[in-house]
Each structure stands twice: as C-alpha cells, then as structure tokens.
C-alpha cells in the first residue's frame, strides 16, 4: 500500500487551513487518512505545528511526502532528524 504524507485542506473560502496527514495514495484528497501529524496555517502569521517524531517514524516506514509537505518537513527540522543531521548543522548547510 503506497502511503503519502500530504496536506488536507480545511477552513473557509479564501481562508485556507491545512492538516498534515498520512494517507493512502489512492484515497481522494479530502477523504479518510491514516494518521494526523499536525497543521499548517499559511495566513499571517504563518503557523506550523508538527509532531516531528511521528513524521520521522512515517518516513522510516517509507511514506513519500508531497513537494509542499517536504518543504514543511525541512522547516520543522523533521528531515534533518530523519537524515541524522543536527538541526543547527542543517541550517548551516542550506
């Protein structure tokens, strides 16, 4: 079963709010999901809340993040933790 980490849009019209979820690739975007990792609010001030340990666990299991979620994982430090790099060294490398 291919698993993806992707955004699930909620919120009102022109006021997006996203939940970061782990879902089967074959489900529709607003459909059922396996696990929730956090949320992302792109409206100012930008808010990102993510359970980094859960995200690393799902990456170890083979879940593929979407492009947008990949950039959010980098911001939260989950990609650095998954690769075994300290967050301070990851910021210097970017």
N, C-alpha and C. Protein backbone atom coordinates (compact mmCIF):
# COMPACT_ATOMS: atom_id res chain seq x y z
N UNK A 1 0.84 -1.18 0.00
CA UNK A 1 0.00 0.00 0.00
C UNK A 1 0.89 1.24 0.00
N UNK A 2 0.90 2.02 -1.08
CA UNK A 2 1.70 3.25 -1.11
C UNK A 2 1.09 4.32 -0.21
N UNK A 3 1.92 4.89 0.63
CA UNK A 3 1.45 5.87 1.61
C UNK A 3 2.12 7.21 1.32
N UNK A 4 1.33 8.28 1.45
CA UNK A 4 1.84 9.63 1.21
C UNK A 4 1.58 10.51 2.41
N UNK A 5 2.49 11.45 2.63
CA UNK A 5 2.27 12.50 3.62
C UNK A 5 1.87 13.72 2.81
N UNK A 6 0.68 14.23 3.05
CA UNK A 6 0.18 15.33 2.23
C UNK A 6 -0.69 16.26 3.06
N UNK A 7 -1.07 17.37 2.42
CA UNK A 7 -1.92 18.37 3.08
C UNK A 7 -3.38 18.06 2.82
N UNK A 8 -4.21 18.28 3.82
CA UNK A 8 -5.66 18.13 3.69
C UNK A 8 -6.26 19.48 4.02
N UNK A 9 -6.89 20.10 3.04
CA UNK A 9 -7.40 21.45 3.23
C UNK A 9 -8.70 21.46 4.03
N UNK A 10 -8.74 22.35 4.99
CA UNK A 10 -9.96 22.65 5.74
C UNK A 10 -10.06 24.17 5.77
N UNK A 11 -11.00 24.71 6.48
CA UNK A 11 -11.12 26.15 6.58
C UNK A 11 -12.14 26.71 5.61
N UNK A 12 -12.38 27.98 5.70
CA UNK A 12 -13.38 28.66 4.89
C UNK A 12 -12.83 29.06 3.53
N UNK A 13 -13.72 29.54 2.69
CA UNK A 13 -13.31 30.03 1.38
C UNK A 13 -12.37 31.22 1.55
N UNK A 14 -11.26 31.19 0.85
CA UNK A 14 -10.21 32.22 0.88
C UNK A 14 -9.52 32.34 2.25
N UNK A 15 -9.73 31.38 3.12
CA UNK A 15 -9.06 31.32 4.42
C UNK A 15 -8.56 29.90 4.63
N UNK A 16 -7.53 29.47 3.88
CA UNK A 16 -7.10 28.07 3.95
C UNK A 16 -6.46 27.72 5.29
N UNK A 17 -6.66 26.48 5.66
CA UNK A 17 -6.05 25.89 6.84
C UNK A 17 -5.81 24.44 6.47
N UNK A 18 -4.61 23.94 6.69
CA UNK A 18 -4.27 22.60 6.24
C UNK A 18 -3.89 21.72 7.41
N UNK A 19 -4.30 20.46 7.34
CA UNK A 19 -3.85 19.44 8.26
C UNK A 19 -2.81 18.60 7.52
N UNK A 20 -1.74 18.26 8.18
CA UNK A 20 -0.71 17.41 7.60
C UNK A 20 -1.06 15.98 7.99
N UNK A 21 -1.38 15.16 6.98
CA UNK A 21 -1.88 13.81 7.25
C UNK A 21 -1.09 12.77 6.47
N UNK A 22 -1.17 11.54 6.96
CA UNK A 22 -0.63 10.38 6.27
C UNK A 22 -1.82 9.65 5.69
N UNK A 23 -1.82 9.44 4.36
CA UNK A 23 -2.97 8.81 3.71
C UNK A 23 -2.49 7.86 2.63
N UNK A 24 -3.36 6.94 2.28
CA UNK A 24 -3.12 6.04 1.16
C UNK A 24 -3.15 6.89 -0.12
N UNK A 25 -2.26 6.61 -1.06
CA UNK A 25 -2.20 7.37 -2.31
C UNK A 25 -3.49 7.32 -3.10
N UNK A 26 -4.24 6.24 -2.94
CA UNK A 26 -5.43 6.04 -3.76
C UNK A 26 -6.67 6.76 -3.23
N UNK A 27 -6.62 7.29 -2.01
CA UNK A 27 -7.79 8.00 -1.48
C UNK A 27 -7.85 9.41 -2.03
N UNK A 28 -9.06 9.97 -2.04
CA UNK A 28 -9.20 11.34 -2.54
C UNK A 28 -8.61 12.32 -1.53
N UNK A 29 -8.37 13.54 -1.95
CA UNK A 29 -7.64 14.50 -1.13
C UNK A 29 -8.36 14.84 0.17
N UNK A 30 -9.68 14.90 0.16
CA UNK A 30 -10.41 15.22 1.38
C UNK A 30 -10.92 13.99 2.09
N UNK A 31 -10.48 12.81 1.68
CA UNK A 31 -11.02 11.56 2.21
C UNK A 31 -10.36 11.12 3.50
N UNK A 32 -10.53 9.83 3.79
CA UNK A 32 -10.01 9.26 5.02
C UNK A 32 -8.48 9.32 5.03
N UNK A 33 -7.95 9.38 6.22
CA UNK A 33 -6.49 9.37 6.38
C UNK A 33 -6.11 8.42 7.49
N UNK A 34 -4.85 8.02 7.49
CA UNK A 34 -4.36 7.04 8.45
C UNK A 34 -3.97 7.71 9.77
N UNK A 35 -3.23 8.81 9.67
CA UNK A 35 -2.70 9.47 10.87
C UNK A 35 -2.57 10.96 10.60
N UNK A 36 -2.72 11.76 11.64
CA UNK A 36 -2.55 13.21 11.53
C UNK A 36 -1.23 13.58 12.21
N UNK A 37 -0.42 14.38 11.51
CA UNK A 37 0.89 14.77 12.03
C UNK A 37 0.91 16.19 12.59
N UNK A 38 -0.04 17.03 12.19
CA UNK A 38 -0.05 18.40 12.67
C UNK A 38 -0.88 19.27 11.76
N UNK A 39 -0.60 20.58 11.79
CA UNK A 39 -1.34 21.51 10.95
C UNK A 39 -0.43 22.60 10.42
N UNK A 40 -0.93 23.29 9.38
CA UNK A 40 -0.20 24.40 8.76
C UNK A 40 -1.20 25.48 8.41
N UNK A 41 -0.96 26.68 8.90
CA UNK A 41 -1.81 27.83 8.61
C UNK A 41 -0.99 28.85 7.84
N UNK A 42 -1.22 28.99 6.52
CA UNK A 42 -0.39 29.90 5.72
C UNK A 42 -0.76 31.38 5.87
N UNK A 43 -1.90 31.67 6.49
CA UNK A 43 -2.33 33.05 6.67
C UNK A 43 -1.49 33.68 7.77
N UNK A 44 -1.18 34.97 7.63
CA UNK A 44 -0.28 35.63 8.56
C UNK A 44 -0.88 35.71 9.95
N UNK A 45 -0.13 35.49 11.02
CA UNK A 45 1.23 34.98 10.98
C UNK A 45 1.23 33.48 10.66
N UNK A 46 2.19 33.10 9.86
CA UNK A 46 2.27 31.71 9.43
C UNK A 46 2.52 30.80 10.63
N UNK A 47 1.72 29.73 10.73
CA UNK A 47 1.85 28.80 11.85
C UNK A 47 2.09 27.40 11.31
N UNK A 48 3.02 26.70 11.93
CA UNK A 48 3.31 25.32 11.58
C UNK A 48 3.49 24.54 12.87
N UNK A 49 2.65 23.56 13.07
CA UNK A 49 2.73 22.69 14.24
C UNK A 49 2.80 21.26 13.73
N UNK A 50 3.88 20.54 14.08
CA UNK A 50 4.04 19.18 13.57
C UNK A 50 4.68 18.30 14.64
N UNK A 51 4.21 17.07 14.74
CA UNK A 51 4.81 16.07 15.62
C UNK A 51 5.99 15.47 14.85
N UNK A 52 7.19 15.95 15.15
CA UNK A 52 8.39 15.58 14.39
C UNK A 52 8.69 14.09 14.55
N UNK A 53 8.52 13.55 15.74
CA UNK A 53 8.81 12.13 15.96
C UNK A 53 7.90 11.23 15.12
N UNK A 54 6.62 11.58 15.05
CA UNK A 54 5.68 10.81 14.23
C UNK A 54 6.06 10.91 12.75
N UNK A 55 6.45 12.12 12.31
CA UNK A 55 6.83 12.32 10.91
C UNK A 55 8.04 11.48 10.56
N UNK A 56 9.04 11.45 11.43
CA UNK A 56 10.24 10.65 11.18
C UNK A 56 9.89 9.17 11.16
N UNK A 57 8.99 8.74 12.03
CA UNK A 57 8.56 7.35 12.05
C UNK A 57 7.90 6.97 10.72
N UNK A 58 7.04 7.83 10.20
CA UNK A 58 6.38 7.53 8.92
C UNK A 58 7.36 7.57 7.75
N UNK A 59 8.35 8.47 7.81
CA UNK A 59 9.37 8.49 6.76
C UNK A 59 10.19 7.21 6.79
N UNK A 60 10.48 6.70 7.98
CA UNK A 60 11.21 5.44 8.10
C UNK A 60 10.40 4.27 7.56
N UNK A 61 9.09 4.35 7.65
CA UNK A 61 8.22 3.30 7.12
C UNK A 61 8.05 3.38 5.61
N UNK A 62 8.55 4.44 4.98
CA UNK A 62 8.50 4.54 3.53
C UNK A 62 7.47 5.50 2.98
N UNK A 63 6.86 6.32 3.81
CA UNK A 63 5.87 7.29 3.34
C UNK A 63 6.58 8.35 2.50
N UNK A 64 5.94 8.72 1.39
CA UNK A 64 6.51 9.71 0.48
C UNK A 64 5.82 11.06 0.68
N UNK A 65 6.55 12.11 1.08
CA UNK A 65 5.91 13.42 1.25
C UNK A 65 5.70 14.11 -0.09
N UNK A 66 4.63 14.91 -0.17
CA UNK A 66 4.42 15.73 -1.35
C UNK A 66 5.47 16.85 -1.34
N UNK A 67 5.56 17.59 -2.42
CA UNK A 67 6.58 18.64 -2.51
C UNK A 67 6.39 19.71 -1.43
N UNK A 68 5.15 20.13 -1.22
CA UNK A 68 4.88 21.15 -0.21
C UNK A 68 5.16 20.64 1.18
N UNK A 69 4.75 19.41 1.46
CA UNK A 69 4.99 18.84 2.78
C UNK A 69 6.49 18.63 3.00
N UNK A 70 7.23 18.30 1.94
CA UNK A 70 8.68 18.15 2.08
C UNK A 70 9.30 19.46 2.56
N UNK A 71 8.87 20.60 2.01
CA UNK A 71 9.42 21.88 2.45
C UNK A 71 9.01 22.19 3.89
N UNK A 72 7.79 21.78 4.29
CA UNK A 72 7.36 21.98 5.67
C UNK A 72 8.15 21.07 6.62
N UNK A 73 8.49 19.87 6.17
CA UNK A 73 9.31 18.98 6.98
C UNK A 73 10.71 19.56 7.19
N UNK A 74 11.23 20.23 6.18
CA UNK A 74 12.54 20.88 6.31
C UNK A 74 12.44 22.02 7.32
N UNK A 75 11.37 22.82 7.25
CA UNK A 75 11.19 23.94 8.18
C UNK A 75 11.07 23.46 9.62
N UNK A 76 10.38 22.36 9.83
CA UNK A 76 10.17 21.86 11.19
C UNK A 76 11.38 21.11 11.74
N UNK A 77 12.31 20.73 10.89
CA UNK A 77 13.50 20.01 11.33
C UNK A 77 13.35 18.50 11.26
N UNK A 78 12.23 18.01 10.75
CA UNK A 78 11.99 16.57 10.70
C UNK A 78 12.90 15.90 9.67
N UNK A 79 13.16 16.54 8.54
CA UNK A 79 14.03 15.95 7.52
C UNK A 79 15.46 15.83 8.04
N UNK A 80 15.92 16.83 8.77
CA UNK A 80 17.27 16.77 9.34
C UNK A 80 17.36 15.65 10.36
N UNK A 81 16.33 15.50 11.17
CA UNK A 81 16.32 14.43 12.17
C UNK A 81 16.26 13.07 11.49
N UNK A 82 15.49 12.97 10.43
CA UNK A 82 15.37 11.71 9.69
C UNK A 82 16.70 11.31 9.05
N UNK A 83 17.44 12.30 8.56
CA UNK A 83 18.74 12.02 7.93
C UNK A 83 19.86 11.88 8.96
N UNK A 84 19.58 12.19 10.21
CA UNK A 84 20.58 12.06 11.27
C UNK A 84 21.49 13.25 11.39
N UNK A 85 21.04 14.39 10.90
CA UNK A 85 21.83 15.62 10.97
C UNK A 85 21.26 16.48 12.10
N UNK A 86 22.13 17.15 12.83
CA UNK A 86 21.66 18.05 13.87
C UNK A 86 21.00 19.26 13.22
N UNK A 87 19.93 19.81 13.81
CA UNK A 87 19.23 20.95 13.19
C UNK A 87 20.13 22.16 12.94
N UNK A 88 21.08 22.44 13.82
CA UNK A 88 21.98 23.59 13.63
C UNK A 88 22.86 23.37 12.39
N UNK A 89 23.33 22.14 12.19
CA UNK A 89 24.16 21.86 11.03
C UNK A 89 23.34 21.89 9.74
N UNK A 90 22.07 21.52 9.83
CA UNK A 90 21.20 21.54 8.65
C UNK A 90 20.94 22.96 8.19
N UNK A 91 20.78 23.91 9.14
CA UNK A 91 20.57 25.30 8.77
C UNK A 91 21.82 25.88 8.12
N UNK A 92 22.99 25.48 8.59
CA UNK A 92 24.23 25.99 8.00
C UNK A 92 24.43 25.43 6.59
N UNK A 93 23.97 24.22 6.35
CA UNK A 93 24.13 23.60 5.03
C UNK A 93 23.23 24.24 3.99
N UNK A 94 22.08 24.77 4.41
CA UNK A 94 21.14 25.39 3.47
C UNK A 94 21.62 26.74 3.14
